[in-house]
PDB file of N, CA and C in Angstrom:
ATOM      1  N   MET A   1     -13.451   6.118 -22.088  1.00  0.00           N
ATOM      2  CA  MET A   1     -12.007   6.233 -22.025  1.00  0.00           C
ATOM      3  C   MET A   1     -11.629   7.237 -20.930  1.00  0.00           C
ATOM      4  N   THR A   2     -10.627   6.911 -20.162  1.00  0.00           N
ATOM      5  CA  THR A   2     -10.193   7.748 -19.053  1.00  0.00           C
ATOM      6  C   THR A   2      -9.101   8.702 -19.520  1.00  0.00           C
ATOM      7  N   SER A   3      -9.226   9.956 -19.144  1.00  0.00           N
ATOM      8  CA  SER A   3      -8.199  10.923 -19.543  1.00  0.00           C
ATOM      9  C   SER A   3      -6.946  10.729 -18.702  1.00  0.00           C
ATOM     10  N   PRO A   4      -5.780  11.051 -19.263  1.00  0.00           N
ATOM     11  CA  PRO A   4      -4.530  10.898 -18.517  1.00  0.00           C
ATOM     12  C   PRO A   4      -4.491  11.726 -17.236  1.00  0.00           C
ATOM     13  N   SER A   5      -5.103  12.909 -17.248  1.00  0.00           N
ATOM     14  CA  SER A   5      -5.056  13.755 -16.055  1.00  0.00           C
ATOM     15  C   SER A   5      -5.867  13.149 -14.906  1.00  0.00           C
ATOM     16  N   SER A   6      -7.005  12.511 -15.209  1.00  0.00           N
ATOM     17  CA  SER A   6      -7.778  11.882 -14.134  1.00  0.00           C
ATOM     18  C   SER A   6      -7.065  10.649 -13.598  1.00  0.00           C
ATOM     19  N   LEU A   7      -6.335   9.943 -14.457  1.00  0.00           N
ATOM     20  CA  LEU A   7      -5.559   8.785 -14.013  1.00  0.00           C
ATOM     21  C   LEU A   7      -4.420   9.226 -13.096  1.00  0.00           C
ATOM     22  N   VAL A   8      -3.772  10.329 -13.426  1.00  0.00           N
ATOM     23  CA  VAL A   8      -2.697  10.864 -12.579  1.00  0.00           C
ATOM     24  C   VAL A   8      -3.267  11.311 -11.235  1.00  0.00           C
ATOM     25  N   ALA A   9      -4.409  11.975 -11.244  1.00  0.00           N
ATOM     26  CA  ALA A   9      -5.025  12.424  -9.992  1.00  0.00           C
ATOM     27  C   ALA A   9      -5.406  11.237  -9.121  1.00  0.00           C
ATOM     28  N   PHE A  10      -5.943  10.197  -9.732  1.00  0.00           N
ATOM     29  CA  PHE A  10      -6.298   8.986  -8.981  1.00  0.00           C
ATOM     30  C   PHE A  10      -5.044   8.344  -8.381  1.00  0.00           C
ATOM     31  N   SER A  11      -3.960   8.273  -9.153  1.00  0.00           N
ATOM     32  CA  SER A  11      -2.704   7.683  -8.660  1.00  0.00           C
ATOM     33  C   SER A  11      -2.178   8.452  -7.454  1.00  0.00           C
ATOM     34  N   PHE A  12      -2.231   9.784  -7.517  1.00  0.00           N
ATOM     35  CA  PHE A  12      -1.774  10.584  -6.381  1.00  0.00           C
ATOM     36  C   PHE A  12      -2.662  10.368  -5.158  1.00  0.00           C
ATOM     37  N   ALA A  13      -3.966  10.223  -5.373  1.00  0.00           N
ATOM     38  CA  ALA A  13      -4.883   9.985  -4.254  1.00  0.00           C
ATOM     39  C   ALA A  13      -4.585   8.644  -3.585  1.00  0.00           C
ATOM     40  N   VAL A  14      -4.314   7.619  -4.373  1.00  0.00           N
ATOM     41  CA  VAL A  14      -3.980   6.303  -3.812  1.00  0.00           C
ATOM     42  C   VAL A  14      -2.664   6.370  -3.042  1.00  0.00           C
ATOM     43  N   LEU A  15      -1.665   7.022  -3.609  1.00  0.00           N
ATOM     44  CA  LEU A  15      -0.376   7.150  -2.917  1.00  0.00           C
ATOM     45  C   LEU A  15      -0.514   7.917  -1.608  1.00  0.00           C
ATOM     46  N   ALA A  16      -1.323   8.967  -1.606  1.00  0.00           N
ATOM     47  CA  ALA A  16      -1.533   9.741  -0.382  1.00  0.00           C
ATOM     48  C   ALA A  16      -2.228   8.898   0.676  1.00  0.00           C
ATOM     49  N   ALA A  17      -3.183   8.083   0.275  1.00  0.00           N
ATOM     50  CA  ALA A  17      -3.886   7.224   1.231  1.00  0.00           C
ATOM     51  C   ALA A  17      -2.948   6.193   1.835  1.00  0.00           C
ATOM     52  N   VAL A  18      -2.087   5.596   1.025  1.00  0.00           N
ATOM     53  CA  VAL A  18      -1.130   4.607   1.532  1.00  0.00           C
ATOM     54  C   VAL A  18      -0.108   5.271   2.444  1.00  0.00           C
ATOM     55  N   ALA A  19       0.349   6.454   2.065  1.00  0.00           N
ATOM     56  CA  ALA A  19       1.349   7.156   2.878  1.00  0.00           C
ATOM     57  C   ALA A  19       0.792   7.598   4.218  1.00  0.00           C
ATOM     58  N   SER A  20      -0.526   7.765   4.317  1.00  0.00           N
ATOM     59  CA  SER A  20      -1.115   8.231   5.569  1.00  0.00           C
ATOM     60  C   SER A  20      -1.441   7.091   6.531  1.00  0.00           C
ATOM     61  N   LEU A  21      -1.223   5.850   6.123  1.00  0.00           N
ATOM     62  CA  LEU A  21      -1.481   4.727   7.023  1.00  0.00           C
ATOM     63  C   LEU A  21      -0.548   4.808   8.221  1.00  0.00           C
ATOM     64  N   PRO A  22      -1.010   4.413   9.415  1.00  0.00           N
ATOM     65  CA  PRO A  22      -0.142   4.486  10.587  1.00  0.00           C
ATOM     66  C   PRO A  22       1.002   3.491  10.493  1.00  0.00           C
ATOM     67  N   ASP A  23       2.128   3.860  11.046  1.00  0.00           N
ATOM     68  CA  ASP A  23       3.293   2.980  11.082  1.00  0.00           C
ATOM     69  C   ASP A  23       3.056   1.899  12.118  1.00  0.00           C
ATOM     70  N   PRO A  24       3.110   0.614  11.741  1.00  0.00           N
ATOM     71  CA  PRO A  24       2.797  -0.450  12.684  1.00  0.00           C
ATOM     72  C   PRO A  24       3.808  -0.613  13.806  1.00  0.00           C
ATOM     73  N   ALA A  25       4.966  -0.013  13.671  1.00  0.00           N
ATOM     74  CA  ALA A  25       5.994  -0.208  14.681  1.00  0.00           C
ATOM     75  C   ALA A  25       6.028   0.902  15.720  1.00  0.00           C
ATOM     76  N   THR A  26       5.075   1.814  15.736  1.00  0.00           N
ATOM     77  CA  THR A  26       5.138   2.953  16.637  1.00  0.00           C
ATOM     78  C   THR A  26       4.652   2.644  18.055  1.00  0.00           C
ATOM     79  N   ALA A  27       4.032   1.505  18.280  1.00  0.00           N
ATOM     80  CA  ALA A  27       3.505   1.218  19.616  1.00  0.00           C
ATOM     81  C   ALA A  27       4.610   0.889  20.609  1.00  0.00           C
ATOM     82  N   CYS A  28       5.680   0.279  20.160  1.00  0.00           N
ATOM     83  CA  CYS A  28       6.788  -0.071  21.061  1.00  0.00           C
ATOM     84  C   CYS A  28       7.764   1.100  21.168  1.00  0.00           C
ATOM     85  N   PRO A  29       8.462   1.184  22.295  1.00  0.00           N
ATOM     86  CA  PRO A  29       9.458   2.250  22.447  1.00  0.00           C
ATOM     87  C   PRO A  29      10.548   2.156  21.378  1.00  0.00           C
ATOM     88  N   PRO A  30      11.243   3.250  21.092  1.00  0.00           N
ATOM     89  CA  PRO A  30      12.320   3.218  20.096  1.00  0.00           C
ATOM     90  C   PRO A  30      13.362   2.159  20.435  1.00  0.00           C
ATOM     91  N   GLY A  31      13.855   1.482  19.409  1.00  0.00           N
ATOM     92  CA  GLY A  31      14.865   0.448  19.595  1.00  0.00           C
ATOM     93  C   GLY A  31      14.297  -0.908  19.960  1.00  0.00           C
ATOM     94  N   SER A  32      12.974  -1.042  19.913  1.00  0.00           N
ATOM     95  CA  SER A  32      12.352  -2.322  20.236  1.00  0.00           C
ATOM     96  C   SER A  32      11.301  -2.664  19.189  1.00  0.00           C
ATOM     97  N   ARG A  33      10.874  -3.920  19.199  1.00  0.00           N
ATOM     98  CA  ARG A  33       9.834  -4.346  18.268  1.00  0.00           C
ATOM     99  C   ARG A  33       8.827  -5.221  18.987  1.00  0.00           C
ATOM    100  N   PHE A  34       7.629  -5.319  18.427  1.00  0.00           N
ATOM    101  CA  PHE A  34       6.537  -6.070  19.034  1.00  0.00           C
ATOM    102  C   PHE A  34       6.700  -7.563  18.769  1.00  0.00           C
ATOM    103  N   SER A  35       6.394  -8.366  19.770  1.00  0.00           N
ATOM    104  CA  SER A  35       6.432  -9.817  19.639  1.00  0.00           C
ATOM    105  C   SER A  35       5.296 -10.411  20.457  1.00  0.00           C
ATOM    106  N   VAL A  36       4.646 -11.451  19.899  1.00  0.00           N
ATOM    107  CA  VAL A  36       3.566 -12.130  20.600  1.00  0.00           C
ATOM    108  C   VAL A  36       3.592 -13.594  20.162  1.00  0.00           C
ATOM    109  N   LYS A  37       3.242 -14.494  21.066  1.00  0.00           N
ATOM    110  CA  LYS A  37       3.183 -15.915  20.712  1.00  0.00           C
ATOM    111  C   LYS A  37       2.026 -16.133  19.733  1.00  0.00           C
ATOM    112  N   PRO A  38       2.091 -17.192  18.914  1.00  0.00           N
ATOM    113  CA  PRO A  38       1.030 -17.450  17.931  1.00  0.00           C
ATOM    114  C   PRO A  38      -0.373 -17.575  18.545  1.00  0.00           C
ATOM    115  N   ASP A  39      -0.459 -18.002  19.799  1.00  0.00           N
ATOM    116  CA  ASP A  39      -1.780 -18.135  20.424  1.00  0.00           C
ATOM    117  C   ASP A  39      -2.280 -16.819  21.027  1.00  0.00           C
ATOM    118  N   GLY A  40      -1.519 -15.743  20.865  1.00  0.00           N
ATOM    119  CA  GLY A  40      -1.939 -14.426  21.335  1.00  0.00           C
ATOM    120  C   GLY A  40      -1.507 -14.090  22.749  1.00  0.00           C
ATOM    121  N   THR A  41      -0.761 -14.963  23.389  1.00  0.00           N
ATOM    122  CA  THR A  41      -0.304 -14.696  24.755  1.00  0.00           C
ATOM    123  C   THR A  41       1.078 -14.054  24.748  1.00  0.00           C
ATOM    124  N   ASN A  42       1.455 -13.467  25.861  1.00  0.00           N
ATOM    125  CA  ASN A  42       2.755 -12.855  26.091  1.00  0.00           C
ATOM    126  C   ASN A  42       3.101 -11.754  25.085  1.00  0.00           C
ATOM    127  N   PRO A  43       2.233 -10.759  24.931  1.00  0.00           N
ATOM    128  CA  PRO A  43       2.568  -9.644  24.035  1.00  0.00           C
ATOM    129  C   PRO A  43       3.591  -8.721  24.699  1.00  0.00           C
ATOM    130  N   ILE A  44       4.741  -8.546  24.054  1.00  0.00           N
ATOM    131  CA  ILE A  44       5.828  -7.749  24.629  1.00  0.00           C
ATOM    132  C   ILE A  44       6.511  -6.925  23.536  1.00  0.00           C
ATOM    133  N   CYS A  45       7.254  -5.928  23.971  1.00  0.00           N
ATOM    134  CA  CYS A  45       8.175  -5.194  23.110  1.00  0.00           C
ATOM    135  C   CYS A  45       9.569  -5.650  23.511  1.00  0.00           C
ATOM    136  N   ILE A  46      10.317  -6.209  22.556  1.00  0.00           N
ATOM    137  CA  ILE A  46      11.657  -6.710  22.870  1.00  0.00           C
ATOM    138  C   ILE A  46      12.702  -5.787  22.258  1.00  0.00           C
ATOM    139  N   VAL A  47      13.863  -5.737  22.910  1.00  0.00           N
ATOM    140  CA  VAL A  47      14.962  -4.897  22.449  1.00  0.00           C
ATOM    141  C   VAL A  47      15.581  -5.561  21.217  1.00  0.00           C
ATOM    142  N   ILE A  48      15.717  -4.813  20.142  1.00  0.00           N
ATOM    143  CA  ILE A  48      16.266  -5.338  18.893  1.00  0.00           C
ATOM    144  C   ILE A  48      17.717  -5.745  19.102  1.00  0.00           C
ATOM    145  N   GLY A  49      18.035  -6.963  18.697  1.00  0.00           N
ATOM    146  CA  GLY A  49      19.406  -7.468  18.771  1.00  0.00           C
ATOM    147  C   GLY A  49      19.811  -8.015  20.128  1.00  0.00           C
ATOM    148  N   GLN A  50      18.890  -8.092  21.090  1.00  0.00           N
ATOM    149  CA  GLN A  50      19.239  -8.586  22.422  1.00  0.00           C
ATOM    150  C   GLN A  50      18.327  -9.729  22.849  1.00  0.00           C
ATOM    151  N   GLY A  51      17.946 -10.574  21.884  1.00  0.00           N
ATOM    152  CA  GLY A  51      17.139 -11.744  22.216  1.00  0.00           C
ATOM    153  C   GLY A  51      15.785 -11.355  22.768  1.00  0.00           C
ATOM    154  N   LEU A  52      15.431 -11.932  23.911  1.00  0.00           N
ATOM    155  CA  LEU A  52      14.117 -11.657  24.503  1.00  0.00           C
ATOM    156  C   LEU A  52      14.200 -10.678  25.666  1.00  0.00           C
ATOM    157  N   LYS A  53      15.120  -9.723  25.603  1.00  0.00           N
ATOM    158  CA  LYS A  53      15.172  -8.683  26.625  1.00  0.00           C
ATOM    159  C   LYS A  53      13.940  -7.802  26.482  1.00  0.00           C
ATOM    160  N   ILE A  54      13.102  -7.785  27.515  1.00  0.00           N
ATOM    161  CA  ILE A  54      11.815  -7.098  27.448  1.00  0.00           C
ATOM    162  C   ILE A  54      11.976  -5.606  27.730  1.00  0.00           C
ATOM    163  N   ARG A  55      11.450  -4.776  26.823  1.00  0.00           N
ATOM    164  CA  ARG A  55      11.437  -3.327  27.014  1.00  0.00           C
ATOM    165  C   ARG A  55      10.100  -2.896  27.607  1.00  0.00           C
ATOM    166  N   ALA A  56       9.003  -3.571  27.212  1.00  0.00           N
ATOM    167  CA  ALA A  56       7.667  -3.216  27.714  1.00  0.00           C
ATOM    168  C   ALA A  56       6.737  -4.418  27.584  1.00  0.00           C
ATOM    169  N   ARG A  57       5.782  -4.522  28.507  1.00  0.00           N
ATOM    170  CA  ARG A  57       4.743  -5.551  28.424  1.00  0.00           C
ATOM    171  C   ARG A  57       3.474  -4.905  27.878  1.00  0.00           C
ATOM    172  N   CYS A  58       2.848  -5.595  26.960  1.00  0.00           N
ATOM    173  CA  CYS A  58       1.630  -5.092  26.336  1.00  0.00           C
ATOM    174  C   CYS A  58       0.431  -5.878  26.870  1.00  0.00           C
ATOM    175  N   PHE A  59      -0.762  -5.431  26.523  1.00  0.00           N
ATOM    176  CA  PHE A  59      -1.979  -6.099  26.993  1.00  0.00           C
ATOM    177  C   PHE A  59      -3.055  -5.954  25.924  1.00  0.00           C
ATOM    178  N   LYS A  60      -4.067  -6.847  25.971  1.00  0.00           N
ATOM    179  CA  LYS A  60      -5.164  -6.749  25.016  1.00  0.00           C
ATOM    180  C   LYS A  60      -5.872  -5.416  25.195  1.00  0.00           C
ATOM    181  N   MET A  61      -6.191  -4.786  24.085  1.00  0.00           N
ATOM    182  CA  MET A  61      -6.808  -3.471  24.131  1.00  0.00           C
ATOM    183  C   MET A  61      -8.214  -3.549  24.716  1.00  0.00           C
ATOM    184  N   PRO A  62      -8.487  -2.749  25.753  1.00  0.00           N
ATOM    185  CA  PRO A  62      -9.849  -2.697  26.288  1.00  0.00           C
ATOM    186  C   PRO A  62     -10.773  -1.937  25.335  1.00  0.00           C
ATOM    187  N   SER A  63     -12.073  -2.028  25.564  1.00  0.00           N
ATOM    188  CA  SER A  63     -13.036  -1.370  24.681  1.00  0.00           C
ATOM    189  C   SER A  63     -12.879   0.147  24.674  1.00  0.00           C
ATOM    190  N   ALA A  64     -12.324   0.708  25.736  1.00  0.00           N
ATOM    191  CA  ALA A  64     -12.138   2.162  25.818  1.00  0.00           C
ATOM    192  C   ALA A  64     -10.914   2.637  25.043  1.00  0.00           C
ATOM    193  N   GLY A  65     -10.090   1.746  24.537  1.00  0.00           N
ATOM    194  CA  GLY A  65      -8.887   2.120  23.803  1.00  0.00           C
ATOM    195  C   GLY A  65      -7.661   2.086  24.697  1.00  0.00           C
ATOM    196  N   CYS A  66      -6.543   2.492  24.139  1.00  0.00           N
ATOM    197  CA  CYS A  66      -5.271   2.419  24.862  1.00  0.00           C
ATOM    198  C   CYS A  66      -5.047   3.589  25.807  1.00  0.00           C
ATOM    199  N   GLY A  67      -5.658   4.714  25.568  1.00  0.00           N
ATOM    200  CA  GLY A  67      -5.457   5.871  26.431  1.00  0.00           C
ATOM    201  C   GLY A  67      -4.176   6.606  26.102  1.00  0.00           C
ATOM    202  N   LEU A  68      -3.858   7.588  26.909  1.00  0.00           N
ATOM    203  CA  LEU A  68      -2.661   8.396  26.687  1.00  0.00           C
ATOM    204  C   LEU A  68      -1.414   7.600  27.009  1.00  0.00           C
ATOM    205  N   GLY A  69      -0.375   7.827  26.254  1.00  0.00           N
ATOM    206  CA  GLY A  69       0.898   7.166  26.511  1.00  0.00           C
ATOM    207  C   GLY A  69       0.956   5.725  26.036  1.00  0.00           C
ATOM    208  N   GLY A  70      -0.004   5.316  25.230  1.00  0.00           N
ATOM    209  CA  GLY A  70       0.008   3.952  24.716  1.00  0.00           C
ATOM    210  C   GLY A  70      -0.242   3.919  23.232  1.00  0.00           C
ATOM    211  N   GLY A  71       0.343   2.927  22.590  1.00  0.00           N
ATOM    212  CA  GLY A  71       0.149   2.756  21.158  1.00  0.00           C
ATOM    213  C   GLY A  71      -0.445   1.394  20.878  1.00  0.00           C
ATOM    214  N   GLN A  72      -0.955   1.200  19.682  1.00  0.00           N
ATOM    215  CA  GLN A  72      -1.600  -0.057  19.312  1.00  0.00           C
ATOM    216  C   GLN A  72      -0.707  -0.909  18.436  1.00  0.00           C
ATOM    217  N   GLU A  73      -0.751  -2.206  18.652  1.00  0.00           N
ATOM    218  CA  GLU A  73      -0.125  -3.202  17.790  1.00  0.00           C
ATOM    219  C   GLU A  73      -1.195  -4.203  17.397  1.00  0.00           C
ATOM    220  N   ARG A  74      -1.129  -4.714  16.182  1.00  0.00           N
ATOM    221  CA  ARG A  74      -2.076  -5.730  15.722  1.00  0.00           C
ATOM    222  C   ARG A  74      -1.314  -6.990  15.354  1.00  0.00           C
ATOM    223  N   SER A  75      -1.901  -8.127  15.739  1.00  0.00           N
ATOM    224  CA  SER A  75      -1.312  -9.413  15.406  1.00  0.00           C
ATOM    225  C   SER A  75      -2.402 -10.472  15.429  1.00  0.00           C
ATOM    226  N   ASN A  76      -2.508 -11.234  14.369  1.00  0.00           N
ATOM    227  CA  ASN A  76      -3.476 -12.335  14.293  1.00  0.00           C
ATOM    228  C   ASN A  76      -4.887 -11.891  14.674  1.00  0.00           C
ATOM    229  N   HIS A  77      -5.346 -10.787  14.122  1.00  0.00           N
ATOM    230  CA  HIS A  77      -6.696 -10.256  14.342  1.00  0.00           C
ATOM    231  C   HIS A  77      -6.940  -9.847  15.797  1.00  0.00           C
ATOM    232  N   ARG A  78      -5.910  -9.599  16.548  1.00  0.00           N
ATOM    233  CA  ARG A  78      -6.034  -9.092  17.919  1.00  0.00           C
ATOM    234  C   ARG A  78      -5.362  -7.725  17.975  1.00  0.00           C
ATOM    235  N   VAL A  79      -5.835  -6.903  18.896  1.00  0.00           N
ATOM    236  CA  VAL A  79      -5.237  -5.576  19.054  1.00  0.00           C
ATOM    237  C   VAL A  79      -4.700  -5.467  20.472  1.00  0.00           C
ATOM    238  N   TYR A  80      -3.479  -4.961  20.610  1.00  0.00           N
ATOM    239  CA  TYR A  80      -2.808  -4.833  21.897  1.00  0.00           C
ATOM    240  C   TYR A  80      -2.420  -3.387  22.138  1.00  0.00           C
ATOM    241  N   CYS A  81      -2.320  -3.024  23.409  1.00  0.00           N
ATOM    242  CA  CYS A  81      -1.811  -1.710  23.804  1.00  0.00           C
ATOM    243  C   CYS A  81      -0.430  -1.910  24.416  1.00  0.00           C
ATOM    244  N   CYS A  82       0.487  -1.042  24.018  1.00  0.00           N
ATOM    245  CA  CYS A  82       1.852  -1.103  24.536  1.00  0.00           C
ATOM    246  C   CYS A  82       2.237   0.290  25.027  1.00  0.00           C
ATOM    247  N   PRO A  83       2.871   0.388  26.193  1.00  0.00           N
ATOM    248  CA  PRO A  83       3.344   1.695  26.661  1.00  0.00           C
ATOM    249  C   PRO A  83       4.484   2.177  25.774  1.00  0.00           C
ATOM    250  N   THR A  84       4.460   3.453  25.413  1.00  0.00           N
ATOM    251  CA  THR A  84       5.505   3.968  24.540  1.00  0.00           C
ATOM    252  C   THR A  84       6.534   4.765  25.280  1.00  0.00           C
TER     253      THR A  84
END
């Protein structure tokens, strides 16, 4: 039988782990969101509420990572780098 205090501690640990997950929308500049075609082409950050007005062009992440000034977006098991 599990004690109530260990169950509470476990619940807090799970909540802390979920809260520490990275925000998926941080790769695009403020006021924009990530968009990519279903086949993985044309990864872009578009301005919210302005159709396909492009704020930034993204690219497939190289093996070295995105580097400084870039954030990651994931879509359909692919990872992209977007300038922030």
